[in-house]
Amino acid sequence: MAENEEDLFEQSQEPEKVVVSDEIKKKRKDWVSAWMKSLRLGRLEDSMYWLNIMACVGELSEYYIGLRMAAFAGEDCWDVQAIILTSALETMIDRHVPDIWNHIYFVNWYLCTCPKFWSNEAGVEVQRTLMTVQKRFKDDGKGGIEPEEIPSWSQDLHTVAGREAAGAGEWGKVDRRFGGDEVGIVTRILMYKRLGKLSPDGGMDDFWKAMAVVKAHKAVTEGEQE
């Protein structure tokens, strides 16, 4: 081992705060920006440098850094482990775990090197879909958004439209095929078994079969209880 290398590993990994002018501290946002871009570019050394500058010179807290890491995991990473790690890091920061910077550096490395959304076709598809969705927004003329009417296949008894239709006796306008109750669950099982997928364009026969299955099951259960 090289001279002084043992001393290096025995030292605390926490960045040491330094006294700087308020004029220098005004560049905090610049440093955060450089750090974020370094993570996106996969430039590990640069990301570690700006991370330390933020802590030593910018006096940005571990709490703030943890929040930015969690945000980065959701914005840029296509890796569920990144979300798990940043969430765990925030918990450790809140609990004042000793030597927290060892964990911060590890998570920083992971965020820098893990897959990003632009490297995965599914991640690109999510971004493409979001852009398409935004085109569907309609201005309500008051600076807000006028939502579309919900589709007929979502109008179960949990919705205003579904409850109003049921109250008026218009049960044909109530669609329970994709609801979360027993009838909806059995309908989806039957539909998928028959079609290999779920589709709002068919499946009423599956719905009525599901109604019969649930009704028969309840009759048996009630009979056992008696």
Protein backbone atom coordinates (compact mmCIF):
# COMPACT_ATOMS: atom_id res chain seq x y z
CA MET A 1 0.00 0.00 0.00
CA ALA A 2 1.34 3.39 -0.97
CA GLU A 3 2.49 5.87 1.68
CA ASN A 4 -0.39 7.73 3.36
CA GLU A 5 -2.96 5.51 1.63
CA GLU A 6 -3.95 3.97 4.96
CA ASP A 7 -4.50 7.44 6.38
CA LEU A 8 -6.73 8.23 3.42
CA PHE A 9 -9.09 5.37 4.19
CA GLU A 10 -9.12 6.11 7.91
CA GLN A 11 -10.30 9.66 7.35
CA SER A 12 -13.95 10.61 7.40
CA GLN A 13 -15.56 10.75 3.97
CA GLU A 14 -17.69 13.73 4.95
CA PRO A 15 -16.83 16.90 3.01
CA GLU A 16 -15.30 19.62 5.17
CA LYS A 17 -17.08 22.95 5.12
CA VAL A 18 -15.02 25.95 4.04
CA VAL A 19 -15.66 29.63 4.58
CA VAL A 20 -16.44 31.51 1.37
CA SER A 21 -18.01 34.83 0.47
CA ASP A 22 -21.72 35.29 -0.07
CA GLU A 23 -20.91 36.22 -3.67
CA ILE A 24 -19.49 32.74 -4.27
CA LYS A 25 -22.47 31.08 -2.56
CA LYS A 26 -24.78 32.71 -5.10
CA LYS A 27 -23.53 30.15 -7.60
CA ARG A 28 -25.16 27.26 -5.74
CA LYS A 29 -27.72 26.69 -8.50
CA ASP A 30 -24.92 26.60 -11.06
CA TRP A 31 -23.18 23.86 -9.11
CA VAL A 32 -26.38 21.86 -8.75
CA SER A 33 -26.90 22.17 -12.50
CA ALA A 34 -23.35 20.97 -13.22
CA TRP A 35 -23.87 18.03 -10.86
CA MET A 36 -27.14 17.01 -12.52
CA LYS A 37 -25.64 17.23 -16.00
CA SER A 38 -22.64 15.17 -14.89
CA LEU A 39 -24.95 12.41 -13.66
CA ARG A 40 -26.85 12.44 -16.95
CA LEU A 41 -23.65 12.26 -18.96
CA GLY A 42 -22.28 9.45 -16.80
CA ARG A 43 -19.24 11.53 -15.81
CA LEU A 44 -18.55 10.06 -12.39
CA GLU A 45 -15.53 12.17 -11.44
CA ASP A 46 -17.28 15.39 -12.41
CA SER A 47 -20.41 14.40 -10.49
CA MET A 48 -18.35 13.66 -7.37
CA TYR A 49 -16.51 16.98 -7.73
CA TRP A 50 -19.66 19.09 -7.97
CA LEU A 51 -21.33 17.07 -5.23
CA ASN A 52 -18.46 17.99 -2.91
CA ILE A 53 -18.50 21.62 -4.03
CA MET A 54 -22.20 21.79 -3.21
CA ALA A 55 -21.56 20.45 0.29
CA CYS A 56 -18.25 22.16 1.11
CA VAL A 57 -18.70 25.55 -0.50
CA GLY A 58 -22.41 25.82 -1.13
CA GLU A 59 -23.36 24.54 2.33
CA LEU A 60 -26.19 22.52 0.81
CA SER A 61 -27.47 19.99 3.32
CA GLU A 62 -27.51 16.23 3.04
CA TYR A 63 -31.31 16.49 3.18
CA TYR A 64 -31.38 18.70 0.06
CA ILE A 65 -28.92 16.45 -1.77
CA GLY A 66 -31.02 13.39 -0.92
CA LEU A 67 -34.14 15.07 -2.30
CA ARG A 68 -32.38 15.98 -5.54
CA MET A 69 -31.12 12.42 -5.91
CA ALA A 70 -34.64 11.05 -5.44
CA ALA A 71 -35.94 13.50 -8.05
CA PHE A 72 -33.17 12.49 -10.46
CA ALA A 73 -34.02 8.82 -10.03
CA GLY A 74 -37.55 9.52 -11.19
CA GLU A 75 -36.72 12.02 -13.92
CA ASP A 76 -33.78 10.34 -15.62
CA CYS A 77 -33.18 6.77 -14.47
CA TRP A 78 -34.81 3.70 -15.96
CA ASP A 79 -33.92 1.48 -13.04
CA VAL A 80 -36.22 0.66 -10.14
CA GLN A 81 -33.18 0.09 -7.92
CA ALA A 82 -32.35 3.79 -8.27
CA ILE A 83 -35.70 4.67 -6.73
CA ILE A 84 -35.24 2.15 -3.93
CA LEU A 85 -31.72 3.39 -3.13
CA THR A 86 -32.63 7.09 -3.10
CA SER A 87 -35.67 6.38 -0.94
CA ALA A 88 -33.49 4.42 1.50
CA LEU A 89 -30.92 7.22 1.49
CA GLU A 90 -33.56 9.79 2.43
CA THR A 91 -34.65 7.59 5.33
CA MET A 92 -31.05 7.24 6.57
CA ILE A 93 -30.54 11.01 6.33
CA ASP A 94 -33.72 11.62 8.33
CA ARG A 95 -32.48 9.17 10.99
CA HIS A 96 -29.05 10.84 11.13
CA VAL A 97 -27.18 7.64 10.30
CA PRO A 98 -23.45 8.09 11.06
CA ASP A 99 -21.02 8.46 8.14
CA ILE A 100 -23.95 9.22 5.85
CA TRP A 101 -21.58 10.46 3.15
CA ASN A 102 -20.42 6.92 2.46
CA HIS A 103 -24.01 6.17 1.45
CA ILE A 104 -24.35 9.42 -0.50
CA TYR A 105 -21.26 8.65 -2.57
CA PHE A 106 -22.48 5.14 -3.31
CA VAL A 107 -25.90 6.35 -4.43
CA ASN A 108 -24.24 9.07 -6.50
CA TRP A 109 -22.17 6.39 -8.26
CA TYR A 110 -25.27 4.29 -8.88
CA LEU A 111 -27.26 7.19 -10.33
CA CYS A 112 -24.35 8.10 -12.56
CA THR A 113 -23.86 4.61 -13.98
CA CYS A 114 -27.34 3.06 -14.04
CA PRO A 115 -29.50 2.89 -17.22
CA LYS A 116 -31.34 6.10 -18.15
CA PHE A 117 -34.73 6.38 -19.80
CA TRP A 118 -33.29 7.47 -23.17
CA SER A 119 -31.28 4.24 -23.40
CA ASN A 120 -34.40 2.08 -23.11
CA GLU A 121 -37.15 1.91 -25.72
CA ALA A 122 -39.81 1.63 -23.02
CA GLY A 123 -38.48 4.77 -21.36
CA VAL A 124 -38.56 6.64 -24.67
CA GLU A 125 -42.11 5.39 -25.23
CA VAL A 126 -43.20 6.88 -21.88
CA GLN A 127 -41.83 10.29 -22.87
CA ARG A 128 -43.38 10.04 -26.34
CA THR A 129 -46.76 9.15 -24.81
CA LEU A 130 -46.58 12.09 -22.40
CA MET A 131 -46.09 14.44 -25.35
CA THR A 132 -49.10 12.89 -27.09
CA VAL A 133 -51.23 13.25 -23.96
CA GLN A 134 -50.42 16.94 -23.69
CA LYS A 135 -51.83 17.47 -27.18
CA ARG A 136 -55.20 16.22 -25.92
CA PHE A 137 -55.45 18.97 -23.30
CA LYS A 138 -58.14 21.51 -24.16
CA ASP A 139 -58.12 25.09 -22.93
CA ASP A 140 -61.24 25.89 -20.92
CA GLY A 141 -60.92 29.57 -21.83
CA LYS A 142 -60.10 30.48 -18.24
CA GLY A 143 -56.44 29.54 -18.20
CA GLY A 144 -57.20 25.98 -17.13
CA ILE A 145 -57.85 22.60 -18.76
CA GLU A 146 -61.23 21.18 -19.73
CA PRO A 147 -61.11 17.41 -19.12
CA GLU A 148 -62.59 14.99 -21.63
CA GLU A 149 -65.64 12.97 -20.65
CA ILE A 150 -64.58 9.64 -19.18
CA PRO A 151 -64.98 6.68 -21.58
CA SER A 152 -68.07 4.50 -21.28
CA TRP A 153 -66.00 1.47 -20.28
CA SER A 154 -64.88 3.24 -17.10
CA GLN A 155 -68.36 4.24 -15.94
CA ASP A 156 -68.85 1.84 -13.05
CA LEU A 157 -70.56 2.59 -9.73
CA HIS A 158 -67.48 4.44 -8.46
CA THR A 159 -68.05 7.23 -10.99
CA VAL A 160 -70.57 10.08 -11.04
CA ALA A 161 -71.82 9.04 -14.48
CA GLY A 162 -72.22 5.42 -13.38
CA ARG A 163 -74.10 6.28 -10.19
CA GLU A 164 -76.39 8.70 -12.02
CA ALA A 165 -77.20 6.07 -14.65
CA ALA A 166 -77.89 3.45 -11.97
CA GLY A 167 -80.10 5.90 -10.06
CA ALA A 168 -82.14 6.46 -13.21
CA GLY A 169 -82.43 2.72 -13.80
CA GLU A 170 -80.25 2.97 -16.92
CA TRP A 171 -78.07 -0.01 -16.10
CA GLY A 172 -77.01 -0.36 -19.73
CA LYS A 173 -74.84 2.73 -19.19
CA VAL A 174 -73.07 1.17 -16.20
CA ASP A 175 -69.99 -0.88 -17.09
CA ARG A 176 -68.66 -3.07 -14.27
CA ARG A 177 -66.35 -5.24 -16.39
CA PHE A 178 -63.17 -3.47 -15.32
CA GLY A 179 -64.10 -2.51 -11.77
CA GLY A 180 -62.34 -3.68 -8.64
CA ASP A 181 -65.24 -5.70 -7.18
CA GLU A 182 -65.68 -9.47 -7.44
CA VAL A 183 -67.72 -9.23 -10.63
CA GLY A 184 -65.04 -7.13 -12.33
CA ILE A 185 -62.25 -9.46 -11.19
CA VAL A 186 -64.02 -12.60 -12.49
CA THR A 187 -64.96 -10.82 -15.73
CA ARG A 188 -61.34 -9.98 -16.43
CA ILE A 189 -60.23 -13.53 -15.73
CA LEU A 190 -62.84 -14.93 -18.13
CA MET A 191 -62.15 -12.30 -20.81
CA TYR A 192 -58.41 -12.84 -20.73
CA LYS A 193 -58.84 -16.60 -20.84
CA ARG A 194 -61.05 -16.24 -23.91
CA LEU A 195 -59.29 -13.43 -25.81
CA GLY A 196 -55.75 -13.46 -24.44
CA LYS A 197 -56.18 -9.77 -23.58
CA LEU A 198 -58.60 -7.27 -22.07
CA SER A 199 -60.65 -5.19 -24.50
CA PRO A 200 -63.49 -2.69 -24.01
CA ASP A 201 -64.88 -3.82 -27.39
CA GLY A 202 -66.10 -7.14 -26.11
CA GLY A 203 -66.72 -9.19 -23.06
CA MET A 204 -70.35 -8.60 -22.05
CA ASP A 205 -70.90 -12.35 -22.21
CA ASP A 206 -67.97 -12.70 -19.82
CA PHE A 207 -69.60 -10.14 -17.55
CA TRP A 208 -72.88 -12.04 -17.32
CA LYS A 209 -71.01 -15.29 -16.69
CA ALA A 210 -69.08 -13.52 -13.94
CA MET A 211 -72.33 -12.27 -12.40
CA ALA A 212 -73.62 -15.84 -12.29
CA VAL A 213 -70.36 -17.16 -10.79
CA VAL A 214 -70.31 -14.51 -8.05
CA LYS A 215 -74.01 -15.01 -7.29
CA ALA A 216 -73.57 -18.78 -7.00
CA HIS A 217 -70.49 -18.36 -4.79
CA LYS A 218 -72.37 -16.02 -2.43
CA ALA A 219 -75.29 -18.44 -2.24
CA VAL A 220 -72.97 -21.27 -1.24
CA THR A 221 -71.17 -19.10 1.32
CA GLU A 222 -74.40 -17.87 2.88
CA GLY A 223 -75.71 -21.44 3.01
CA GLU A 224 -72.58 -22.60 4.86
CA GLN A 225 -72.95 -19.79 7.38
CA GLU A 226 -76.52 -20.86 8.17
